[in-house]
Amino acid sequence: MFSVKRTLAFVLIFNSLLLASGDTKEEIEKKQRHERNLRAQIQEEKKFAEEQTFYQTENYNFKGSEVNQDSLDSIPDIEVDPFDMTNVYD
């Protein structure tokens, strides 16, 4: 995992290398935008990874919610009365 100190150190080193390389102002701004976009994408990937671990089914135990098929035989069938709605809106 990235810590705040490591990230700040990386940004400082990266910016100092940019300044030492003698690039033009436009090139430096382009690289800085790229760095910001890269950091934003890394944060989105971290969030996505956390969400995916939440949705993994192997993390859940579904044994308690299974239906015993043998117990279904003891449930009586319910007769359905025909429901006529033709006169409801008259």
N, C-alpha and C. Protein backbone atom coordinates (compact mmCIF):
# COMPACT_ATOMS: atom_id res chain seq x y z
N MET A 1 0.83 -1.18 0.00
CA MET A 1 0.00 0.00 0.00
C MET A 1 0.88 1.25 0.00
N PHE A 2 0.39 2.27 -0.62
CA PHE A 2 1.11 3.52 -0.66
C PHE A 2 0.77 4.34 0.57
N SER A 3 1.79 4.83 1.24
CA SER A 3 1.55 5.72 2.37
C SER A 3 1.66 7.16 1.88
N VAL A 4 1.20 8.06 2.72
CA VAL A 4 1.24 9.47 2.36
C VAL A 4 2.68 9.95 2.23
N LYS A 5 3.55 9.49 3.12
CA LYS A 5 4.95 9.91 3.08
C LYS A 5 5.61 9.43 1.79
N ARG A 6 5.33 8.20 1.41
CA ARG A 6 5.94 7.67 0.18
C ARG A 6 5.43 8.43 -1.04
N THR A 7 4.15 8.71 -1.03
CA THR A 7 3.58 9.44 -2.16
C THR A 7 4.16 10.84 -2.27
N LEU A 8 4.26 11.53 -1.14
CA LEU A 8 4.84 12.87 -1.16
C LEU A 8 6.31 12.82 -1.59
N ALA A 9 7.04 11.84 -1.10
CA ALA A 9 8.44 11.72 -1.50
C ALA A 9 8.55 11.46 -3.00
N PHE A 10 7.67 10.61 -3.50
CA PHE A 10 7.68 10.32 -4.94
C PHE A 10 7.39 11.57 -5.75
N VAL A 11 6.39 12.34 -5.31
CA VAL A 11 6.02 13.56 -6.03
C VAL A 11 7.16 14.58 -5.98
N LEU A 12 7.80 14.73 -4.84
CA LEU A 12 8.92 15.66 -4.73
C LEU A 12 10.09 15.25 -5.62
N ILE A 13 10.40 13.98 -5.60
CA ILE A 13 11.51 13.49 -6.44
C ILE A 13 11.15 13.66 -7.92
N PHE A 14 9.92 13.33 -8.25
CA PHE A 14 9.48 13.44 -9.65
C PHE A 14 9.54 14.89 -10.10
N ASN A 15 9.06 15.81 -9.28
CA ASN A 15 9.08 17.22 -9.65
C ASN A 15 10.50 17.77 -9.72
N SER A 16 11.36 17.32 -8.83
CA SER A 16 12.74 17.81 -8.90
C SER A 16 13.44 17.29 -10.15
N LEU A 17 13.13 16.07 -10.56
CA LEU A 17 13.69 15.55 -11.80
C LEU A 17 13.17 16.32 -13.00
N LEU A 18 11.92 16.71 -12.93
CA LEU A 18 11.36 17.51 -14.03
C LEU A 18 12.07 18.85 -14.15
N LEU A 19 12.31 19.49 -13.02
CA LEU A 19 12.96 20.78 -13.05
C LEU A 19 14.43 20.66 -13.47
N ALA A 20 15.07 19.59 -13.07
CA ALA A 20 16.48 19.40 -13.41
C ALA A 20 16.68 19.00 -14.87
N SER A 21 15.65 18.49 -15.49
CA SER A 21 15.81 18.02 -16.86
C SER A 21 15.86 19.15 -17.88
N GLY A 22 15.46 20.35 -17.48
CA GLY A 22 15.53 21.49 -18.38
C GLY A 22 14.43 21.52 -19.40
N ASP A 23 13.29 20.88 -19.12
CA ASP A 23 12.15 20.88 -20.04
C ASP A 23 11.52 22.27 -20.07
N THR A 24 10.77 22.50 -21.12
CA THR A 24 10.05 23.76 -21.21
C THR A 24 8.87 23.74 -20.25
N LYS A 25 8.29 24.92 -20.04
CA LYS A 25 7.18 25.03 -19.11
C LYS A 25 6.00 24.17 -19.55
N GLU A 26 5.72 24.14 -20.84
CA GLU A 26 4.60 23.34 -21.36
C GLU A 26 4.84 21.85 -21.13
N GLU A 27 6.08 21.41 -21.35
CA GLU A 27 6.40 20.00 -21.15
C GLU A 27 6.29 19.63 -19.68
N ILE A 28 6.71 20.53 -18.80
CA ILE A 28 6.62 20.27 -17.36
C ILE A 28 5.15 20.18 -16.94
N GLU A 29 4.33 21.10 -17.43
CA GLU A 29 2.91 21.08 -17.09
C GLU A 29 2.23 19.82 -17.63
N LYS A 30 2.64 19.40 -18.82
CA LYS A 30 2.08 18.18 -19.40
C LYS A 30 2.44 16.97 -18.55
N LYS A 31 3.69 16.91 -18.10
CA LYS A 31 4.11 15.79 -17.25
C LYS A 31 3.42 15.82 -15.90
N GLN A 32 3.21 17.01 -15.35
CA GLN A 32 2.52 17.13 -14.07
C GLN A 32 1.06 16.71 -14.21
N ARG A 33 0.41 17.09 -15.31
CA ARG A 33 -0.96 16.65 -15.55
C ARG A 33 -1.02 15.13 -15.67
N HIS A 34 -0.04 14.59 -16.36
CA HIS A 34 0.04 13.14 -16.51
C HIS A 34 0.19 12.48 -15.14
N GLU A 35 1.03 13.05 -14.30
CA GLU A 35 1.25 12.50 -12.96
C GLU A 35 -0.04 12.57 -12.13
N ARG A 36 -0.76 13.71 -12.20
CA ARG A 36 -2.02 13.83 -11.47
C ARG A 36 -3.04 12.81 -11.96
N ASN A 37 -3.13 12.65 -13.27
CA ASN A 37 -4.05 11.67 -13.83
C ASN A 37 -3.68 10.25 -13.42
N LEU A 38 -2.39 9.99 -13.38
CA LEU A 38 -1.92 8.68 -12.97
C LEU A 38 -2.28 8.40 -11.52
N ARG A 39 -2.06 9.39 -10.64
CA ARG A 39 -2.43 9.22 -9.23
C ARG A 39 -3.93 9.02 -9.07
N ALA A 40 -4.73 9.75 -9.83
CA ALA A 40 -6.18 9.60 -9.76
C ALA A 40 -6.60 8.20 -10.22
N GLN A 41 -5.96 7.72 -11.26
CA GLN A 41 -6.27 6.38 -11.76
C GLN A 41 -5.87 5.31 -10.74
N ILE A 42 -4.76 5.50 -10.06
CA ILE A 42 -4.34 4.55 -9.03
C ILE A 42 -5.37 4.50 -7.91
N GLN A 43 -5.88 5.66 -7.50
CA GLN A 43 -6.91 5.71 -6.46
C GLN A 43 -8.18 4.99 -6.91
N GLU A 44 -8.57 5.18 -8.16
CA GLU A 44 -9.75 4.49 -8.67
C GLU A 44 -9.54 2.98 -8.70
N GLU A 45 -8.34 2.54 -9.06
CA GLU A 45 -8.04 1.11 -9.07
C GLU A 45 -8.08 0.52 -7.67
N LYS A 46 -7.59 1.27 -6.67
CA LYS A 46 -7.66 0.81 -5.28
C LYS A 46 -9.11 0.65 -4.85
N LYS A 47 -9.92 1.64 -5.18
CA LYS A 47 -11.34 1.59 -4.83
C LYS A 47 -12.01 0.40 -5.51
N PHE A 48 -11.70 0.17 -6.78
CA PHE A 48 -12.28 -0.94 -7.52
C PHE A 48 -11.86 -2.27 -6.89
N ALA A 49 -10.60 -2.39 -6.48
CA ALA A 49 -10.12 -3.62 -5.86
C ALA A 49 -10.84 -3.88 -4.54
N GLU A 50 -11.07 -2.83 -3.75
CA GLU A 50 -11.78 -2.99 -2.49
C GLU A 50 -13.22 -3.43 -2.75
N GLU A 51 -13.87 -2.84 -3.74
CA GLU A 51 -15.25 -3.22 -4.05
C GLU A 51 -15.32 -4.65 -4.56
N GLN A 52 -14.35 -5.08 -5.33
CA GLN A 52 -14.38 -6.44 -5.86
C GLN A 52 -14.22 -7.47 -4.75
N THR A 53 -13.41 -7.18 -3.74
CA THR A 53 -13.29 -8.13 -2.63
C THR A 53 -14.61 -8.19 -1.87
N PHE A 54 -15.38 -7.12 -1.85
CA PHE A 54 -16.68 -7.13 -1.19
C PHE A 54 -17.66 -8.03 -1.93
N TYR A 55 -17.60 -8.03 -3.26
CA TYR A 55 -18.57 -8.77 -4.05
C TYR A 55 -18.19 -10.22 -4.31
N GLN A 56 -17.06 -10.67 -3.85
CA GLN A 56 -16.66 -12.06 -4.08
C GLN A 56 -17.52 -13.00 -3.24
N THR A 57 -18.10 -14.02 -3.88
CA THR A 57 -19.02 -14.92 -3.18
C THR A 57 -18.30 -15.87 -2.23
N GLU A 58 -17.02 -16.11 -2.43
CA GLU A 58 -16.33 -17.03 -1.53
C GLU A 58 -16.15 -16.43 -0.13
N ASN A 59 -16.43 -15.15 0.03
CA ASN A 59 -16.33 -14.51 1.34
C ASN A 59 -17.59 -14.72 2.18
N TYR A 60 -18.63 -15.30 1.61
CA TYR A 60 -19.90 -15.43 2.29
C TYR A 60 -20.26 -16.90 2.49
N ASN A 61 -20.99 -17.18 3.57
CA ASN A 61 -21.46 -18.53 3.85
C ASN A 61 -22.97 -18.56 3.63
N PHE A 62 -23.40 -19.26 2.60
CA PHE A 62 -24.82 -19.32 2.25
C PHE A 62 -25.49 -20.61 2.73
N LYS A 63 -24.81 -21.41 3.52
CA LYS A 63 -25.37 -22.68 4.00
C LYS A 63 -26.63 -22.46 4.83
N GLY A 64 -26.68 -21.39 5.61
CA GLY A 64 -27.83 -21.14 6.48
C GLY A 64 -29.08 -20.75 5.72
N SER A 65 -28.96 -20.32 4.50
CA SER A 65 -30.13 -19.88 3.73
C SER A 65 -30.57 -20.91 2.69
N GLU A 66 -29.97 -22.09 2.70
CA GLU A 66 -30.39 -23.12 1.75
C GLU A 66 -31.70 -23.74 2.19
N VAL A 67 -32.50 -24.17 1.23
CA VAL A 67 -33.79 -24.79 1.51
C VAL A 67 -33.63 -26.30 1.51
N ASN A 68 -34.17 -26.94 2.55
CA ASN A 68 -34.17 -28.39 2.62
C ASN A 68 -35.26 -28.91 1.70
N GLN A 69 -34.90 -29.59 0.65
CA GLN A 69 -35.86 -30.06 -0.35
C GLN A 69 -36.84 -31.07 0.23
N ASP A 70 -36.43 -31.85 1.24
CA ASP A 70 -37.32 -32.84 1.85
C ASP A 70 -38.46 -32.17 2.61
N SER A 71 -38.23 -30.98 3.16
CA SER A 71 -39.27 -30.30 3.93
C SER A 71 -40.34 -29.68 3.04
N LEU A 72 -40.10 -29.57 1.75
CA LEU A 72 -41.09 -28.98 0.84
C LEU A 72 -42.28 -29.89 0.62
N ASP A 73 -42.11 -31.21 0.82
CA ASP A 73 -43.22 -32.14 0.64
C ASP A 73 -44.31 -31.93 1.68
N SER A 74 -43.97 -31.44 2.86
CA SER A 74 -44.96 -31.27 3.93
C SER A 74 -45.78 -29.99 3.78
N ILE A 75 -45.44 -29.13 2.84
CA ILE A 75 -46.18 -27.88 2.63
C ILE A 75 -47.36 -28.17 1.72
N PRO A 76 -48.59 -27.84 2.16
CA PRO A 76 -49.76 -28.15 1.32
C PRO A 76 -49.85 -27.19 0.13
N ASP A 77 -50.44 -27.68 -0.93
CA ASP A 77 -50.67 -26.84 -2.11
C ASP A 77 -51.82 -25.88 -1.80
N ILE A 78 -51.69 -24.66 -2.23
CA ILE A 78 -52.72 -23.65 -2.01
C ILE A 78 -53.51 -23.49 -3.29
N GLU A 79 -54.84 -23.61 -3.13
CA GLU A 79 -55.69 -23.45 -4.31
C GLU A 79 -55.87 -21.95 -4.56
N VAL A 80 -55.73 -21.57 -5.79
CA VAL A 80 -55.84 -20.17 -6.16
C VAL A 80 -57.25 -19.91 -6.64
N ASP A 81 -57.92 -18.92 -6.02
CA ASP A 81 -59.25 -18.52 -6.48
C ASP A 81 -59.11 -17.62 -7.69
N PRO A 82 -59.91 -17.83 -8.70
CA PRO A 82 -59.82 -16.93 -9.86
C PRO A 82 -60.26 -15.53 -9.45
N PHE A 83 -59.52 -14.56 -9.87
CA PHE A 83 -59.77 -13.18 -9.50
C PHE A 83 -60.20 -12.43 -10.73
N ASP A 84 -61.41 -11.91 -10.69
CA ASP A 84 -61.98 -11.22 -11.85
C ASP A 84 -61.96 -9.73 -11.58
N MET A 85 -61.27 -8.95 -12.41
CA MET A 85 -61.19 -7.50 -12.23
C MET A 85 -62.00 -6.74 -13.27
N THR A 86 -62.92 -7.39 -13.93
CA THR A 86 -63.67 -6.71 -14.98
C THR A 86 -64.59 -5.62 -14.43
N ASN A 87 -65.11 -5.79 -13.22
CA ASN A 87 -66.04 -4.81 -12.66
C ASN A 87 -65.38 -3.83 -11.70
N VAL A 88 -64.09 -3.86 -11.58
CA VAL A 88 -63.40 -2.98 -10.61
C VAL A 88 -63.50 -1.54 -11.02
N TYR A 89 -63.35 -1.23 -12.28
CA TYR A 89 -63.29 0.17 -12.72
C TYR A 89 -64.64 0.68 -13.25
N ASP A 90 -65.73 -0.04 -13.02
CA ASP A 90 -67.05 0.41 -13.47
C ASP A 90 -67.67 1.40 -12.52
